N, C-alpha and C. Protein backbone atom coordinates (compact mmCIF):
# COMPACT_ATOMS: atom_id res chain seq x y z
N UNK A 1 -9.10 8.13 12.71
CA UNK A 1 -8.17 6.67 12.79
C UNK A 1 -8.10 5.84 13.85
N UNK A 2 -8.01 4.71 13.26
CA UNK A 2 -8.09 3.59 14.25
C UNK A 2 -6.93 2.61 13.98
N UNK A 3 -6.41 1.90 15.69
CA UNK A 3 -5.56 0.87 15.40
C UNK A 3 -5.97 -0.50 14.87
N UNK A 4 -5.23 -0.41 13.39
CA UNK A 4 -6.05 -1.82 12.92
C UNK A 4 -5.41 -3.16 13.16
N UNK A 5 -4.07 -3.19 13.52
CA UNK A 5 -3.53 -4.09 14.34
C UNK A 5 -2.45 -3.45 15.20
N UNK A 6 -1.65 -4.01 15.83
CA UNK A 6 -0.76 -3.45 16.87
C UNK A 6 0.31 -2.83 16.62
N UNK A 7 0.44 -1.50 16.66
CA UNK A 7 1.41 -0.41 16.18
C UNK A 7 1.10 -0.30 14.42
N UNK A 8 -0.13 -0.34 14.00
CA UNK A 8 -0.59 0.03 12.79
C UNK A 8 -1.74 0.38 12.67
N UNK A 9 -1.69 2.27 12.47
CA UNK A 9 -3.26 2.91 12.29
C UNK A 9 -3.61 3.14 10.95
N UNK A 10 -4.71 2.95 10.61
CA UNK A 10 -5.49 3.55 9.29
C UNK A 10 -6.80 4.24 9.37
N UNK A 11 -6.43 4.77 8.12
CA UNK A 11 -7.75 5.87 8.16
C UNK A 11 -8.44 5.65 6.93
N UNK A 12 -9.30 6.05 6.53
CA UNK A 12 -10.19 5.60 5.56
C UNK A 12 -10.66 6.96 4.54
N UNK A 13 -11.11 6.87 3.26
CA UNK A 13 -11.49 7.71 2.49
C UNK A 13 -12.68 7.07 1.45
N UNK A 14 -13.70 7.08 1.55
CA UNK A 14 -14.79 6.38 0.66
C UNK A 14 -14.54 6.74 -0.89
N UNK A 15 -14.45 6.50 -1.63
CA UNK A 15 -14.15 6.60 -2.99
C UNK A 15 -16.04 6.27 -3.73
N UNK A 16 -16.64 7.31 -4.16
CA UNK A 16 -17.85 7.38 -4.77
C UNK A 16 -17.79 6.30 -5.63
N UNK A 17 -16.90 6.57 -6.86
CA UNK A 17 -16.64 6.11 -7.99
C UNK A 17 -16.27 4.45 -8.12
N UNK A 18 -15.76 4.45 -6.95
CA UNK A 18 -15.29 2.80 -6.96
C UNK A 18 -16.26 1.94 -5.79
N UNK A 19 -16.81 2.68 -5.02
CA UNK A 19 -17.83 1.96 -4.06
C UNK A 19 -17.14 1.53 -3.20
N UNK A 20 -15.88 1.77 -2.68
CA UNK A 20 -15.18 0.97 -1.06
C UNK A 20 -14.24 2.17 -0.84
N UNK A 21 -13.80 1.86 0.10
CA UNK A 21 -12.72 2.93 0.91
C UNK A 21 -12.03 2.78 0.51
N UNK A 22 -10.89 3.56 0.24
CA UNK A 22 -9.39 4.15 0.00
C UNK A 22 -8.41 4.06 1.32
N UNK A 23 -7.71 3.22 1.61
CA UNK A 23 -7.00 3.42 3.04
C UNK A 23 -5.46 3.78 3.30
N UNK A 24 -4.86 4.40 4.03
CA UNK A 24 -3.83 5.03 4.27
C UNK A 24 -3.47 4.43 5.71
N UNK A 25 -2.06 3.99 5.67
CA UNK A 25 -1.54 3.52 7.01
C UNK A 25 -0.37 4.42 7.56
N UNK A 26 -0.64 3.99 9.38
CA UNK A 26 0.89 4.49 9.77
C UNK A 26 1.34 3.36 10.70
N UNK A 27 2.80 3.00 10.36
CA UNK A 27 3.05 2.01 11.32
C UNK A 27 4.08 2.83 12.32
N UNK A 28 4.02 2.20 13.36
CA UNK A 28 5.10 2.76 14.54
C UNK A 28 5.98 1.97 14.28
N UNK A 29 7.50 3.10 14.34
CA UNK A 29 8.57 2.25 14.18
C UNK A 29 9.70 3.17 14.99
N UNK A 30 10.58 2.13 16.07
CA UNK A 30 11.50 3.01 16.69
C UNK A 30 12.35 3.87 16.00
N UNK A 31 12.72 3.48 15.04
CA UNK A 31 13.81 4.70 13.81
C UNK A 31 12.68 5.49 13.25
N UNK A 32 11.40 5.60 13.22
CA UNK A 32 10.51 6.95 12.43
C UNK A 32 9.48 6.12 12.09
N UNK A 33 8.19 6.91 12.49
CA UNK A 33 7.46 6.00 11.84
C UNK A 33 7.16 6.09 10.49
N UNK A 34 6.37 5.20 9.42
CA UNK A 34 6.35 5.14 8.36
C UNK A 34 4.72 5.27 7.74
N UNK A 35 4.84 6.42 7.22
CA UNK A 35 2.79 6.34 6.30
C UNK A 35 3.01 6.02 4.97
N UNK A 36 1.95 4.96 5.10
CA UNK A 36 2.01 3.91 3.25
C UNK A 36 0.96 4.87 2.81
N UNK A 37 0.49 5.39 1.32
CA UNK A 37 -0.68 6.08 0.84
C UNK A 37 -1.53 6.74 1.50
N UNK A 38 -0.72 7.29 2.16
CA UNK A 38 -1.93 8.28 3.03
C UNK A 38 -2.82 8.78 1.98
N UNK A 39 -4.33 8.71 2.10
CA UNK A 39 -5.31 9.51 1.62
C UNK A 39 -6.03 10.16 2.36
N UNK A 40 -6.72 11.15 1.95
CA UNK A 40 -7.14 12.26 2.20
C UNK A 40 -7.70 12.10 3.96
N UNK A 41 -7.42 13.23 4.78
CA UNK A 41 -7.54 13.18 6.02
C UNK A 41 -8.32 14.09 6.80
N UNK A 42 -9.12 13.77 7.75
CA UNK A 42 -9.74 14.78 8.57
C UNK A 42 -8.69 15.67 9.50
N UNK A 43 -9.37 17.03 9.86
CA UNK A 43 -7.69 17.78 10.70
C UNK A 43 -7.71 16.97 11.72
N UNK A 44 -8.27 16.19 12.00
CA UNK A 44 -8.29 15.23 13.65
C UNK A 44 -7.01 14.23 13.29
N UNK A 45 -6.98 13.48 12.23
CA UNK A 45 -6.34 12.35 11.39
C UNK A 45 -4.78 13.48 11.56
N UNK A 46 -5.09 14.26 10.49
CA UNK A 46 -3.68 15.04 10.35
C UNK A 46 -3.01 15.16 11.70
N UNK A 47 -3.62 15.78 12.78
CA UNK A 47 -2.87 16.28 13.93
C UNK A 47 -2.78 14.85 15.07
N UNK A 48 -3.40 13.56 14.25
CA UNK A 48 -2.94 12.53 15.10
C UNK A 48 -1.02 12.31 14.58
N UNK A 49 -1.27 12.54 13.09
CA UNK A 49 -0.15 12.26 12.53
C UNK A 49 1.11 13.17 12.95
N UNK A 50 0.85 14.36 13.24
CA UNK A 50 1.72 15.14 13.26
C UNK A 50 2.29 15.02 14.82
N UNK A 51 0.95 14.46 15.69
CA UNK A 51 1.74 14.18 16.76
C UNK A 51 2.42 13.12 17.03
N UNK A 52 1.86 11.94 16.63
CA UNK A 52 2.95 10.67 16.32
C UNK A 52 4.23 10.77 15.52
N UNK A 53 4.23 11.75 14.77
CA UNK A 53 5.84 11.72 13.76
C UNK A 53 5.39 11.31 12.63
N UNK A 54 6.23 11.58 11.50
CA UNK A 54 6.22 10.47 10.43
C UNK A 54 7.45 10.66 9.63
N UNK A 55 7.97 9.72 9.58
CA UNK A 55 9.69 9.83 8.69
C UNK A 55 9.72 9.65 7.82
N UNK A 56 9.20 8.74 6.90
CA UNK A 56 8.68 8.57 5.57
C UNK A 56 7.50 8.68 5.21
N UNK A 57 7.04 8.47 3.78
CA UNK A 57 6.14 8.35 3.19
C UNK A 57 6.28 7.44 1.98
N UNK A 58 5.70 6.18 2.16
CA UNK A 58 5.83 5.18 0.96
C UNK A 58 4.70 5.50 0.14
N UNK A 59 5.28 5.61 -0.86
CA UNK A 59 4.24 5.57 -2.02
C UNK A 59 4.04 3.57 -2.65
N UNK A 60 3.63 2.55 -2.54
CA UNK A 60 2.96 1.78 -3.38
C UNK A 60 3.01 1.53 -4.69
N UNK A 61 2.69 2.88 -5.14
CA UNK A 61 2.07 3.01 -6.67
C UNK A 61 2.37 4.60 -7.53
N UNK A 62 2.37 4.24 -8.68
CA UNK A 62 2.40 5.84 -9.07
C UNK A 62 1.27 6.52 -8.68
N UNK A 63 -0.22 5.87 -8.64
CA UNK A 63 -1.54 6.50 -8.86
C UNK A 63 -1.68 6.59 -7.30
N UNK A 64 -0.85 6.43 -6.19
CA UNK A 64 -1.20 6.59 -4.94
C UNK A 64 -0.46 7.59 -4.17
N UNK A 65 -0.06 8.84 -4.50
CA UNK A 65 0.24 9.86 -3.97
C UNK A 65 -0.81 10.39 -3.24
N UNK A 66 -2.15 10.63 -3.45
CA UNK A 66 -2.85 10.97 -2.76
C UNK A 66 -3.27 11.97 -1.74
N UNK A 67 -2.62 12.01 -0.68
CA UNK A 67 -2.71 13.59 0.32
C UNK A 67 -0.76 13.06 0.72
N UNK A 68 -0.28 12.69 0.16
CA UNK A 68 1.36 12.69 0.49
C UNK A 68 2.05 14.03 0.43
N UNK A 69 1.57 14.88 -0.44
CA UNK A 69 2.38 16.04 -0.40
C UNK A 69 2.08 16.98 0.89
N UNK A 70 0.62 16.89 1.51
CA UNK A 70 -0.22 17.07 2.94
C UNK A 70 0.80 16.81 3.73
N UNK A 71 0.79 15.59 4.22
CA UNK A 71 1.30 14.79 5.10
C UNK A 71 2.93 14.96 5.39
N UNK A 72 3.75 15.12 3.94
CA UNK A 72 5.25 15.47 3.78
C UNK A 72 5.38 17.02 4.66
N UNK A 73 4.58 18.05 3.76
CA UNK A 73 4.30 19.25 3.99
C UNK A 73 4.51 19.44 5.86
N UNK A 74 2.95 18.22 6.27
CA UNK A 74 2.73 18.46 7.77
C UNK A 74 4.07 17.98 8.66
N UNK A 75 4.53 16.90 8.45
CA UNK A 75 5.62 16.12 9.56
C UNK A 75 6.79 16.21 8.94
N UNK A 76 7.21 17.09 7.61
CA UNK A 76 8.73 16.80 7.77
C UNK A 76 9.04 16.08 7.06
N UNK A 77 8.32 14.58 7.00
CA UNK A 77 8.69 13.29 5.66
C UNK A 77 9.29 13.38 4.86
N UNK A 78 9.86 12.32 4.40
CA UNK A 78 10.40 12.05 3.02
C UNK A 78 9.77 11.16 2.02
N UNK A 79 9.24 11.28 1.10
CA UNK A 79 8.41 10.17 0.07
C UNK A 79 9.61 9.85 -0.84
N UNK A 80 9.29 8.70 -0.86
CA UNK A 80 9.87 8.21 -1.71
C UNK A 80 8.87 6.44 -2.53
N UNK A 81 9.60 6.41 -3.57
CA UNK A 81 8.24 5.58 -4.44
C UNK A 81 9.41 4.71 -5.35
N UNK A 82 9.39 3.86 -5.73
CA UNK A 82 10.10 3.01 -6.92
C UNK A 82 10.56 4.00 -7.97
N UNK A 83 11.63 3.88 -8.58
CA UNK A 83 12.27 4.55 -9.49
C UNK A 83 10.97 4.59 -10.86
N UNK A 84 10.84 3.22 -11.15
CA UNK A 84 9.86 2.99 -12.57
C UNK A 84 8.32 3.94 -12.14
N UNK A 85 8.09 4.26 -11.17
CA UNK A 85 6.82 4.86 -11.07
C UNK A 85 7.00 6.53 -10.81
N UNK A 86 8.10 6.73 -10.18
CA UNK A 86 8.59 8.19 -10.04
C UNK A 86 8.18 9.12 -11.09
N UNK A 87 8.53 9.47 -12.07
CA UNK A 87 8.17 10.11 -13.06
C UNK A 87 6.65 10.55 -13.16
N UNK A 88 5.86 9.54 -13.43
CA UNK A 88 4.30 9.28 -13.70
C UNK A 88 3.76 10.26 -12.10
N UNK A 89 4.52 9.84 -10.92
CA UNK A 89 3.74 10.27 -9.65
C UNK A 89 4.39 12.09 -9.98
N UNK A 90 5.69 12.19 -9.96
CA UNK A 90 6.02 13.52 -10.38
C UNK A 90 5.03 14.67 -11.50
N UNK A 91 4.85 13.80 -11.97
CA UNK A 91 3.67 14.41 -13.60
C UNK A 91 2.43 15.03 -12.83
N UNK A 92 2.28 14.14 -11.37
CA UNK A 92 0.58 14.50 -10.74
C UNK A 92 0.66 15.57 -9.73
N UNK A 93 2.35 16.08 -9.80
CA UNK A 93 2.55 17.31 -9.00
C UNK A 93 3.42 16.38 -7.53
N UNK A 94 3.72 15.38 -7.08
CA UNK A 94 3.90 14.71 -6.15
C UNK A 94 5.33 15.06 -5.75
N UNK A 95 5.77 15.74 -4.99
CA UNK A 95 6.91 15.54 -4.00
C UNK A 95 7.90 14.62 -3.69
N UNK A 96 8.70 13.87 -4.33
CA UNK A 96 9.77 13.13 -3.94
C UNK A 96 11.03 13.33 -3.69
N UNK A 97 11.38 12.48 -2.74
CA UNK A 97 12.65 12.35 -1.97
C UNK A 97 13.53 11.25 -2.36
N UNK A 98 13.30 10.16 -2.07
CA UNK A 98 14.55 8.88 -2.58
C UNK A 98 13.67 7.61 -3.41
N UNK A 99 14.39 7.11 -3.69
CA UNK A 99 13.99 5.37 -4.27
C UNK A 99 13.91 4.67 -3.57
N UNK A 100 12.63 3.71 -3.74
CA UNK A 100 12.66 2.50 -3.19
C UNK A 100 13.33 1.26 -4.15
N UNK A 101 14.03 0.27 -3.43
CA UNK A 101 14.54 -0.83 -4.39
C UNK A 101 13.94 -2.00 -3.95
N UNK A 102 13.22 -2.99 -4.85
CA UNK A 102 12.86 -4.40 -4.36
C UNK A 102 13.89 -5.03 -3.80
N UNK A 103 13.46 -5.60 -2.67
CA UNK A 103 14.43 -6.26 -1.95
C UNK A 103 15.41 -5.27 -0.53
N UNK A 104 15.14 -4.53 -1.01
CA UNK A 104 15.45 -3.01 0.62
C UNK A 104 14.22 -3.11 1.55
N UNK A 105 14.88 -2.37 2.26
CA UNK A 105 13.76 -2.29 3.68
C UNK A 105 13.68 -0.99 4.30
N UNK A 106 12.57 -0.81 4.67
CA UNK A 106 12.11 0.69 5.13
C UNK A 106 12.17 0.14 6.67
N UNK A 107 12.67 0.51 7.41
CA UNK A 107 11.90 -0.12 9.02
C UNK A 107 12.08 -1.28 9.17
N UNK A 108 10.86 -2.28 9.62
CA UNK A 108 10.84 -3.58 9.24
C UNK A 108 10.12 -3.87 7.96
N UNK A 109 9.52 -3.05 7.31
CA UNK A 109 9.00 -3.70 5.96
C UNK A 109 10.22 -3.88 5.03
N UNK A 110 9.78 -4.74 4.73
CA UNK A 110 10.55 -5.42 3.12
C UNK A 110 9.80 -4.78 1.96
N UNK A 111 10.77 -4.21 1.05
CA UNK A 111 10.03 -3.65 -0.40
C UNK A 111 9.93 -5.10 -1.22
N UNK A 112 8.76 -5.44 -1.77
CA UNK A 112 8.28 -6.69 -2.53
C UNK A 112 7.93 -6.35 -4.15
N UNK A 113 8.46 -6.76 -4.94
CA UNK A 113 8.00 -6.64 -6.18
C UNK A 113 6.16 -6.79 -6.66
N UNK A 114 5.43 -5.89 -6.70
CA UNK A 114 4.10 -6.45 -7.16
C UNK A 114 3.79 -5.32 -8.77
N UNK A 115 4.67 -5.47 -9.21
CA UNK A 115 4.73 -4.85 -10.57
C UNK A 115 3.65 -5.51 -12.04
N UNK A 116 2.95 -4.50 -12.42
CA UNK A 116 2.09 -5.37 -13.34
C UNK A 116 0.66 -4.02 -13.70
N UNK A 117 0.67 -3.83 -12.66
CA UNK A 117 -0.83 -2.61 -12.73
C UNK A 117 0.30 -1.34 -13.10
N UNK A 118 1.26 -0.82 -12.51
CA UNK A 118 2.25 -0.16 -12.84
C UNK A 118 3.43 -0.80 -12.99
N UNK A 119 4.61 -0.10 -13.48
CA UNK A 119 5.81 -1.16 -13.72
C UNK A 119 6.54 -0.69 -11.99
N UNK A 120 6.71 0.26 -11.54
CA UNK A 120 7.27 -0.05 -9.92
C UNK A 120 6.59 0.28 -9.01
N UNK A 121 5.37 -0.68 -9.18
CA UNK A 121 4.19 -1.24 -8.15
C UNK A 121 5.33 -2.31 -7.04
N UNK A 122 5.01 -1.83 -5.28
CA UNK A 122 5.39 -2.51 -4.72
C UNK A 122 4.36 -2.69 -3.52
N UNK A 123 4.91 -4.04 -3.00
CA UNK A 123 4.08 -4.47 -1.59
C UNK A 123 5.42 -4.11 -0.18
N UNK A 124 4.65 -4.17 0.55
CA UNK A 124 5.57 -4.29 1.49
C UNK A 124 5.09 -5.51 2.78
N UNK A 125 6.24 -6.14 3.10
CA UNK A 125 6.00 -7.48 3.95
C UNK A 125 7.14 -7.11 5.50
N UNK A 126 5.90 -7.24 6.47
CA UNK A 126 6.29 -7.46 8.05
C UNK A 126 6.60 -8.80 8.24
N UNK A 127 7.68 -8.74 7.82
CA UNK A 127 8.05 -10.41 7.84
C UNK A 127 7.71 -10.99 8.96
N UNK A 128 8.43 -10.56 10.07
CA UNK A 128 8.43 -11.03 11.81
C UNK A 128 6.72 -11.19 12.10
N UNK A 129 5.84 -10.19 11.56
CA UNK A 129 4.58 -10.03 12.49
C UNK A 129 3.43 -10.80 11.21
N UNK A 130 3.92 -11.49 9.96
CA UNK A 130 3.11 -11.89 8.77
C UNK A 130 2.03 -11.22 8.49
N UNK A 131 2.65 -9.77 8.15
CA UNK A 131 1.83 -8.96 7.23
C UNK A 131 2.09 -8.55 6.00
N UNK A 132 1.56 -8.09 5.02
CA UNK A 132 1.67 -7.73 3.52
C UNK A 132 0.83 -6.50 3.59
N UNK A 133 1.34 -5.77 3.11
CA UNK A 133 0.81 -4.60 2.88
C UNK A 133 0.71 -4.19 1.53
N UNK A 134 -0.38 -4.42 0.80
CA UNK A 134 -0.27 -3.63 -0.67
C UNK A 134 -1.08 -2.66 -1.57
N UNK A 135 -0.62 -1.96 -2.29
CA UNK A 135 -1.45 -0.71 -2.92
C UNK A 135 -2.50 -1.21 -3.83
N UNK A 136 -2.54 -1.19 -5.17
CA UNK A 136 -3.16 -1.78 -6.37
C UNK A 136 -2.79 -3.17 -6.68
N UNK A 137 -2.13 -3.74 -6.42
CA UNK A 137 -1.93 -5.12 -6.86
C UNK A 137 -2.90 -6.14 -6.35
N UNK A 138 -3.31 -5.99 -5.38
CA UNK A 138 -5.02 -6.96 -5.18
C UNK A 138 -5.63 -5.48 -4.15
N UNK A 139 -6.50 -5.71 -4.55
CA UNK A 139 -7.53 -4.98 -3.47
C UNK A 139 -8.89 -6.25 -2.78
N UNK A 140 -9.05 -5.39 -1.56
CA UNK A 140 -9.85 -5.81 -0.65
C UNK A 140 -11.40 -5.83 -1.00
N UNK A 141 -12.06 -6.34 -2.10
CA UNK A 141 -13.18 -6.25 -2.65
C UNK A 141 -13.62 -7.33 -3.72
N UNK A 142 -14.89 -8.02 -3.17
CA UNK A 142 -15.71 -7.71 -2.43
C UNK A 142 -14.96 -7.87 -0.59
N UNK A 143 -15.84 -7.66 0.51
CA UNK A 143 -15.11 -7.57 1.74
C UNK A 143 -14.63 -9.14 1.89
N UNK A 144 -13.64 -9.27 2.33
CA UNK A 144 -13.47 -10.84 3.25
C UNK A 144 -12.73 -11.44 1.60
N UNK A 145 -12.84 -10.98 0.54
CA UNK A 145 -12.10 -11.50 -0.35
C UNK A 145 -11.34 -10.78 -0.81
N UNK A 146 -9.96 -11.42 -1.74
CA UNK A 146 -8.86 -10.70 -2.73
C UNK A 146 -9.74 -10.07 -4.26
N UNK A 147 -9.39 -9.44 -4.56
CA UNK A 147 -9.83 -9.05 -6.05
C UNK A 147 -8.46 -8.42 -6.96
N UNK A 148 -8.73 -8.10 -8.06
CA UNK A 148 -7.92 -7.10 -9.06
C UNK A 148 -8.71 -6.17 -9.69
N UNK A 149 -8.12 -4.92 -9.75
CA UNK A 149 -8.75 -3.97 -10.72
C UNK A 149 -9.16 -4.08 -11.86
N UNK A 150 -9.71 -3.94 -12.32
CA UNK A 150 -10.48 -4.18 -14.10
C UNK A 150 -9.61 -3.79 -14.83
N UNK A 151 -8.87 -4.95 -15.39
CA UNK A 151 -7.81 -4.85 -16.55
C UNK A 151 -7.34 -3.60 -17.68
N UNK A 152 -8.62 -2.60 -17.93
CA UNK A 152 -8.36 -1.34 -18.48
C UNK A 152 -7.55 -0.52 -17.50
N UNK A 153 -7.56 -1.01 -16.38
CA UNK A 153 -6.73 0.46 -15.96
C UNK A 153 -5.21 -0.31 -15.23
N UNK A 154 -4.76 -1.39 -16.17
CA UNK A 154 -3.70 -2.27 -15.94
C UNK A 154 -2.79 -2.42 -16.58
N UNK A 155 -1.13 -1.82 -16.36
CA UNK A 155 -0.57 -1.87 -17.80
C UNK A 155 -0.17 -3.25 -18.23
N UNK A 156 -0.03 -4.27 -17.40
CA UNK A 156 0.45 -5.58 -18.12
C UNK A 156 -0.41 -6.60 -17.35
N UNK A 157 -1.42 -6.87 -17.64
CA UNK A 157 -2.41 -7.69 -16.30
C UNK A 157 -1.26 -9.33 -16.25
N UNK A 158 -0.90 -9.96 -17.15
CA UNK A 158 -0.01 -11.21 -17.16
C UNK A 158 1.03 -10.76 -15.92
N UNK A 159 1.22 -9.79 -16.45
CA UNK A 159 2.55 -9.35 -15.16
C UNK A 159 2.09 -9.45 -14.16
N UNK A 160 0.80 -8.78 -13.70
CA UNK A 160 0.57 -8.22 -12.38
C UNK A 160 0.11 -9.98 -12.03
N UNK A 161 -0.43 -10.82 -12.83
CA UNK A 161 -0.71 -11.99 -12.13
C UNK A 161 0.24 -13.02 -11.49
N UNK A 162 1.56 -12.68 -12.28
CA UNK A 162 2.67 -13.12 -11.86
C UNK A 162 3.03 -12.33 -10.52
N UNK A 163 3.38 -11.54 -10.44
CA UNK A 163 3.16 -10.89 -9.23
C UNK A 163 2.47 -11.25 -8.06
N UNK A 164 1.48 -11.27 -8.16
CA UNK A 164 0.31 -11.74 -6.90
C UNK A 164 0.49 -13.46 -6.84
N UNK A 165 0.75 -14.11 -7.90
CA UNK A 165 1.26 -15.68 -7.71
C UNK A 165 2.21 -15.54 -6.68
N UNK A 166 3.55 -14.88 -6.81
CA UNK A 166 4.68 -14.72 -6.43
C UNK A 166 4.52 -14.42 -4.83
N UNK A 167 3.06 -14.00 -4.51
CA UNK A 167 3.30 -13.32 -3.32
C UNK A 167 2.50 -14.89 -2.12
N UNK A 168 2.01 -15.55 -2.98
CA UNK A 168 1.97 -16.86 -2.20
C UNK A 168 2.94 -17.52 -1.71
N UNK A 169 4.55 -17.17 -2.35
CA UNK A 169 5.74 -17.43 -1.66
C UNK A 169 6.42 -17.18 -0.14
N UNK A 170 5.56 -15.98 0.08
CA UNK A 170 5.30 -15.21 1.43
C UNK A 170 4.81 -15.63 2.61
N UNK A 171 5.37 -15.48 3.73
CA UNK A 171 4.31 -15.86 5.41
C UNK A 171 3.87 -14.74 5.57
N UNK A 172 2.69 -14.71 5.73
CA UNK A 172 1.81 -13.80 6.12
C UNK A 172 0.43 -14.70 6.68
N UNK A 173 -0.39 -13.73 7.36
CA UNK A 173 -1.57 -13.94 7.54
C UNK A 173 -2.48 -12.88 7.66
N UNK A 174 -2.07 -11.73 7.40
CA UNK A 174 -2.51 -10.29 7.58
C UNK A 174 -2.32 -9.57 6.07
N UNK A 175 -3.29 -9.49 5.44
CA UNK A 175 -3.45 -8.39 4.13
C UNK A 175 -4.23 -6.92 4.90
N UNK A 176 -3.09 -6.19 4.70
CA UNK A 176 -3.71 -4.92 4.50
C UNK A 176 -3.78 -4.23 3.15
N UNK A 177 -4.78 -3.31 3.03
CA UNK A 177 -5.15 -2.93 1.46
C UNK A 177 -5.21 -1.48 1.21
N UNK A 178 -4.56 -1.09 0.52
CA UNK A 178 -4.84 0.28 -0.14
C UNK A 178 -6.00 0.91 -0.21
N UNK A 179 -6.91 -0.38 -1.18
CA UNK A 179 -8.22 -0.19 -1.71
C UNK A 179 -9.06 -1.48 -1.08
N UNK A 180 -10.00 -0.73 -0.33
CA UNK A 180 -11.38 -1.93 0.12
C UNK A 180 -11.16 -2.55 1.56
N UNK A 181 -11.38 -3.67 2.02
CA UNK A 181 -11.32 -4.12 3.13
C UNK A 181 -10.69 -5.06 3.67
N UNK A 182 -9.64 -4.78 4.28
CA UNK A 182 -8.77 -5.34 5.00
C UNK A 182 -8.95 -6.89 5.43
N UNK A 183 -8.12 -7.77 5.35
CA UNK A 183 -8.38 -9.28 5.77
C UNK A 183 -7.16 -9.71 7.10
N UNK A 184 -7.78 -9.53 8.42
CA UNK A 184 -6.76 -10.14 9.12
C UNK A 184 -6.70 -11.48 9.70
N UNK A 185 -7.08 -12.18 8.76
CA UNK A 185 -6.64 -13.28 9.18
C UNK A 185 -6.79 -14.44 8.08
N UNK A 186 -6.40 -15.42 7.92
CA UNK A 186 -6.29 -16.21 7.03
C UNK A 186 -6.24 -15.79 5.17
N UNK A 187 -5.43 -14.72 5.51
CA UNK A 187 -5.51 -14.02 4.33
C UNK A 187 -4.52 -14.46 3.23
N UNK A 188 -3.80 -15.49 3.63
CA UNK A 188 -3.32 -16.12 2.56
C UNK A 188 -4.15 -17.08 1.81
N UNK A 189 -4.76 -17.66 2.85
CA UNK A 189 -6.05 -18.85 1.68
C UNK A 189 -6.55 -17.87 1.03
N UNK A 190 -7.08 -16.80 1.51
CA UNK A 190 -7.88 -15.81 0.30
C UNK A 190 -7.50 -15.63 -0.70
N UNK A 191 -6.07 -14.94 -0.48
CA UNK A 191 -5.35 -14.84 -1.78
C UNK A 191 -5.00 -16.07 -2.90
N UNK A 192 -4.91 -17.32 -2.01
CA UNK A 192 -5.02 -18.04 -2.89
C UNK A 192 -6.31 -18.70 -3.97
N UNK A 193 -6.99 -18.15 -3.11
CA UNK A 193 -8.31 -18.67 -4.06
C UNK A 193 -8.77 -17.51 -4.95
N UNK A 194 -7.92 -16.60 -5.11
CA UNK A 194 -7.52 -15.46 -6.23
C UNK A 194 -7.04 -16.10 -7.23
N UNK A 195 -5.95 -16.68 -6.63
CA UNK A 195 -4.92 -17.02 -7.68
C UNK A 195 -5.41 -18.18 -8.50
N UNK A 196 -6.19 -19.16 -7.79
CA UNK A 196 -7.05 -20.35 -8.68
C UNK A 196 -7.59 -19.70 -9.55
N UNK A 197 -8.00 -18.65 -9.61
CA UNK A 197 -8.60 -18.19 -10.74
C UNK A 197 -7.92 -17.93 -12.36
N UNK A 198 -6.68 -17.74 -11.81
CA UNK A 198 -6.07 -16.95 -13.12
C UNK A 198 -5.88 -18.31 -13.91
N UNK A 199 -5.95 -17.91 -15.36
CA UNK A 199 -6.12 -18.50 -16.55
C UNK A 199 -4.18 -18.64 -16.86
N UNK A 200 -3.63 -17.75 -16.68
CA UNK A 200 -2.26 -18.15 -17.23
C UNK A 200 -1.18 -18.26 -16.09
């Protein structure tokens, strides 16, 4: 586990089929730390999470349950997801406690609509720090660039591109990815390059 930016830790698990890392994040917050899309952890990483404490686990989409149950059991955190993705997550035996709402907040993070890959996908904006955290709406692959997952795994590609295009209305310079290599400066410019490739 490493400190990727001030008050945010990350740890990674390499996906052989995808050829890049899946990433979990821990956001330090005075009112309770927030774990986002937790991937599989080593025992040392789990000990770090337990030591830091976790109040809430945010799942940005239905496919990012990953190690959520393990973190929930180990820390006593409550797991939250958007209601539109909750049934699918439960079908994967994910234990859920609460629902996220677009426009709401969890600690310093604003919940932003990122629907398209799945109907309830969200992104998280730390407005004061110019940080956008995404799950599957965009990926950091190839490194240093923004990309999309293959259309065959996207429910509604047109809706997803619309959601991603609206990210450009947000003020951020850092993009932390659930999949791939995060971009720690000039991230909005890299996202604009992706959006300019959209035909619709």
